[in-house]
């Protein structure tokens, strides 16, 4: 018979068992928390009032200015290459047409704004937009006109393209819906016809 005092004693657990105990894990937790997360160099896109201001500046000033300058350059190149006018005559012709077109469009836009409640914004910005709208479509047509002559129905397609570009620029610059844009175009057409017949009557 084996008495209790003579029973073999269980060997003590090894030290590494205590290392995996919950107390040890709790002690190790702050070490894991102290590791700082990696810092990314990516910066999110700017949103808010600053971004809205940049978009507004682009549509109200930068885009019309670049389109106006591009239209003047294209019109000047077209006149120098495909007509017998000199630089001075071409510049006078372009400037006079742009001024007359801008004035007629401005009068039409004031009429449309009165009856349709359209907001034109600041006066000189509206003038800049209308100047760009008045010259860019015609300049594009004059620049590509020699090529369009060799394409079946090319001149007709070019005329349609001029109207589409004019319609798109007018609606985009003044944030108009389709009905308001059509109204402005019709008023401009009526005023243009009135000016044409007035000039013919005077002569």
Protein backbone atom coordinates (compact mmCIF):
# COMPACT_ATOMS: atom_id res chain seq x y z
CA UNK A 1 0.00 0.00 0.00
CA UNK A 2 1.20 3.46 -0.87
CA UNK A 3 0.51 6.13 1.72
CA UNK A 4 -0.29 9.71 0.65
CA UNK A 5 3.00 10.98 1.89
CA UNK A 6 4.71 8.50 -0.38
CA UNK A 7 2.69 9.43 -3.53
CA UNK A 8 4.83 11.03 -6.22
CA UNK A 9 4.50 14.81 -6.43
CA UNK A 10 3.62 16.41 -9.76
CA UNK A 11 6.47 18.24 -11.36
CA UNK A 12 6.10 22.04 -11.28
CA UNK A 13 5.01 23.53 -14.62
CA UNK A 14 7.76 25.06 -16.70
CA UNK A 15 8.33 28.80 -16.66
CA UNK A 16 7.16 29.32 -20.24
CA UNK A 17 3.62 28.26 -19.23
CA UNK A 18 3.36 31.33 -17.05
CA UNK A 19 4.59 33.44 -19.95
CA UNK A 20 1.40 32.61 -21.86
CA UNK A 21 -0.91 33.32 -18.94
CA UNK A 22 -3.54 36.11 -19.23
CA UNK A 23 -1.58 38.24 -16.79
CA UNK A 24 1.46 38.06 -19.02
CA UNK A 25 -0.64 38.91 -22.06
CA UNK A 26 -2.14 41.89 -20.25
CA UNK A 27 1.33 43.08 -19.37
CA UNK A 28 2.39 42.79 -23.02
CA UNK A 29 -0.65 44.64 -24.37
CA UNK A 30 0.67 48.18 -23.69
CA UNK A 31 3.76 47.32 -25.69
CA UNK A 32 1.64 46.57 -28.76
CA UNK A 33 -0.39 49.76 -28.26
CA UNK A 34 2.70 51.89 -28.09
CA UNK A 35 3.58 51.16 -31.71
CA UNK A 36 2.65 54.23 -33.78
CA UNK A 37 0.64 53.63 -36.98
CA UNK A 38 2.48 54.29 -40.24
CA UNK A 39 2.10 57.77 -41.65
CA UNK A 40 0.99 57.97 -45.30
CA UNK A 41 2.23 60.73 -47.54
CA UNK A 42 -1.07 60.82 -49.48
CA UNK A 43 -3.07 63.98 -48.97
CA UNK A 44 -6.81 63.89 -49.76
CA UNK A 45 -8.22 66.24 -52.38
CA UNK A 46 -9.24 69.62 -51.09
CA UNK A 47 -12.94 69.92 -50.47
CA UNK A 48 -15.10 72.67 -49.07
CA UNK A 49 -15.25 76.40 -49.80
CA UNK A 50 -11.72 76.52 -51.21
CA UNK A 51 -12.45 73.91 -53.86
CA UNK A 52 -15.73 75.59 -54.76
CA UNK A 53 -13.92 78.89 -55.12
CA UNK A 54 -11.35 77.35 -57.49
CA UNK A 55 -14.11 75.85 -59.66
CA UNK A 56 -15.96 79.15 -59.75
CA UNK A 57 -12.81 81.02 -60.74
CA UNK A 58 -12.12 78.46 -63.46
CA UNK A 59 -15.57 78.76 -65.04
CA UNK A 60 -15.98 82.51 -64.60
CA UNK A 61 -12.54 83.77 -65.55
CA UNK A 62 -9.84 81.30 -66.55
CA UNK A 63 -11.78 79.19 -69.07
CA UNK A 64 -13.37 82.18 -70.89
CA UNK A 65 -10.01 83.97 -70.99
CA UNK A 66 -8.18 80.99 -72.50
CA UNK A 67 -10.98 80.35 -75.00
CA UNK A 68 -10.98 84.02 -75.99
CA UNK A 69 -7.21 84.07 -76.51
CA UNK A 70 -7.31 80.79 -78.41
CA UNK A 71 -10.13 82.05 -80.60
CA UNK A 72 -8.29 85.27 -81.45
CA UNK A 73 -5.12 83.37 -82.34
CA UNK A 74 -7.01 80.82 -84.45
CA UNK A 75 -8.96 83.54 -86.26
CA UNK A 76 -5.77 85.49 -86.93
CA UNK A 77 -3.99 82.41 -88.29
CA UNK A 78 -6.94 81.57 -90.51
CA UNK A 79 -7.11 85.07 -91.97
CA UNK A 80 -3.37 85.26 -92.59
CA UNK A 81 -3.25 81.85 -94.26
CA UNK A 82 -6.46 81.80 -96.26
CA UNK A 83 -7.08 85.44 -97.16
CA UNK A 84 -5.10 88.27 -98.69
CA UNK A 85 -5.52 90.58 -95.71
CA UNK A 86 -2.44 91.86 -93.94
CA UNK A 87 -1.84 91.62 -90.22
CA UNK A 88 -3.30 95.06 -89.49
CA UNK A 89 -6.42 94.52 -91.58
CA UNK A 90 -6.95 91.08 -90.06
CA UNK A 91 -6.59 92.44 -86.52
CA UNK A 92 -9.06 95.25 -87.21
CA UNK A 93 -11.54 92.82 -88.75
CA UNK A 94 -11.27 90.40 -85.84
CA UNK A 95 -11.51 93.12 -83.20
CA UNK A 96 -14.47 94.83 -84.84
CA UNK A 97 -16.39 91.59 -85.26
CA UNK A 98 -15.69 90.53 -81.69
CA UNK A 99 -16.79 93.89 -80.25
CA UNK A 100 -19.98 93.99 -82.33
CA UNK A 101 -20.83 90.39 -81.51
CA UNK A 102 -20.21 90.94 -77.80
CA UNK A 103 -22.42 94.04 -77.71
CA UNK A 104 -25.28 92.30 -79.51
CA UNK A 105 -25.02 89.26 -77.25
CA UNK A 106 -24.86 91.43 -74.15
CA UNK A 107 -28.05 93.25 -75.15
CA UNK A 108 -29.76 89.93 -75.80
CA UNK A 109 -28.63 88.51 -72.47
CA UNK A 110 -29.99 91.55 -70.62
CA UNK A 111 -33.36 91.06 -72.32
CA UNK A 112 -33.33 87.34 -71.52
CA UNK A 113 -32.28 88.00 -67.93
CA UNK A 114 -35.20 90.39 -67.45
CA UNK A 115 -37.86 87.99 -68.73
CA UNK A 116 -36.37 84.67 -67.59
CA UNK A 117 -34.75 85.69 -64.31
CA UNK A 118 -31.27 84.64 -65.45
CA UNK A 119 -28.35 85.65 -63.23
CA UNK A 120 -25.53 87.07 -65.34
CA UNK A 121 -23.10 87.69 -62.48
CA UNK A 122 -20.53 90.47 -62.52
CA UNK A 123 -20.72 92.73 -65.56
CA UNK A 124 -17.14 92.46 -66.80
CA UNK A 125 -17.04 88.72 -66.29
CA UNK A 126 -20.22 88.46 -68.36
CA UNK A 127 -18.55 90.57 -71.06
CA UNK A 128 -15.52 88.26 -71.02
CA UNK A 129 -17.70 85.16 -71.37
CA UNK A 130 -19.69 86.67 -74.24
CA UNK A 131 -16.53 87.80 -76.02
CA UNK A 132 -15.17 84.25 -75.84
CA UNK A 133 -18.50 82.85 -77.03
CA UNK A 134 -18.69 85.29 -79.93
CA UNK A 135 -15.28 84.47 -81.41
CA UNK A 136 -14.42 80.85 -80.59
CA UNK A 137 -17.00 78.99 -82.75
CA UNK A 138 -16.37 81.13 -85.84
CA UNK A 139 -12.61 80.89 -85.37
CA UNK A 140 -12.78 77.10 -85.25
CA UNK A 141 -14.87 77.07 -88.44
CA UNK A 142 -12.53 79.44 -90.31
CA UNK A 143 -9.50 77.40 -89.27
CA UNK A 144 -10.95 74.11 -90.54
CA UNK A 145 -12.86 75.56 -93.48
CA UNK A 146 -10.25 74.58 -96.16
CA UNK A 147 -10.44 70.96 -94.98
CA UNK A 148 -14.24 70.96 -94.80
CA UNK A 149 -14.45 72.02 -98.44
CA UNK A 150 -13.07 68.65 -99.53
CA UNK A 151 -15.50 66.63 -97.37
CA UNK A 152 -18.99 65.82 -98.68
CA UNK A 153 -21.41 68.06 -96.78
CA UNK A 154 -18.41 69.32 -94.85
CA UNK A 155 -19.52 72.95 -94.84
CA UNK A 156 -22.95 71.95 -93.54
CA UNK A 157 -21.37 69.82 -90.83
CA UNK A 158 -19.09 72.72 -89.95
CA UNK A 159 -22.05 75.07 -89.61
CA UNK A 160 -23.83 72.62 -87.33
CA UNK A 161 -20.65 72.26 -85.29
CA UNK A 162 -20.40 76.04 -84.91
CA UNK A 163 -23.93 76.22 -83.55
CA UNK A 164 -23.41 73.29 -81.18
CA UNK A 165 -20.19 74.82 -79.82
CA UNK A 166 -21.84 78.21 -79.42
CA UNK A 167 -24.84 76.67 -77.66
CA UNK A 168 -22.60 74.64 -75.32
CA UNK A 169 -20.36 77.57 -74.40
CA UNK A 170 -23.29 79.88 -73.69
CA UNK A 171 -25.07 77.36 -71.49
CA UNK A 172 -21.90 76.36 -69.63
CA UNK A 173 -20.56 79.85 -68.96
CA UNK A 174 -23.86 81.16 -67.58
CA UNK A 175 -25.03 77.89 -65.99
CA UNK A 176 -28.22 77.79 -68.06
CA UNK A 177 -30.55 74.89 -68.59
CA UNK A 178 -31.58 73.91 -72.10
CA UNK A 179 -34.74 76.00 -72.23
CA UNK A 180 -32.99 79.16 -70.99
CA UNK A 181 -30.16 78.63 -73.48
CA UNK A 182 -32.63 78.29 -76.35
CA UNK A 183 -34.40 81.45 -75.21
CA UNK A 184 -31.12 83.41 -75.18
CA UNK A 185 -30.15 82.08 -78.61
CA UNK A 186 -33.51 83.08 -80.10
CA UNK A 187 -33.28 86.58 -78.63
CA UNK A 188 -29.76 86.92 -80.03
CA UNK A 189 -30.97 85.75 -83.44
CA UNK A 190 -33.77 88.32 -83.46
CA UNK A 191 -31.44 91.14 -82.44
CA UNK A 192 -28.88 90.07 -85.05
CA UNK A 193 -31.54 90.14 -87.78
CA UNK A 194 -32.72 93.55 -86.60
CA UNK A 195 -29.19 94.94 -86.73
CA UNK A 196 -28.60 93.40 -90.16
CA UNK A 197 -31.74 94.92 -91.69
CA UNK A 198 -31.01 98.25 -89.99
CA UNK A 199 -27.54 98.35 -91.58
CA UNK A 200 -29.00 97.40 -94.97
CA UNK A 201 -31.61 100.16 -94.65
CA UNK A 202 -28.99 102.78 -93.76
CA UNK A 203 -26.85 101.85 -96.76
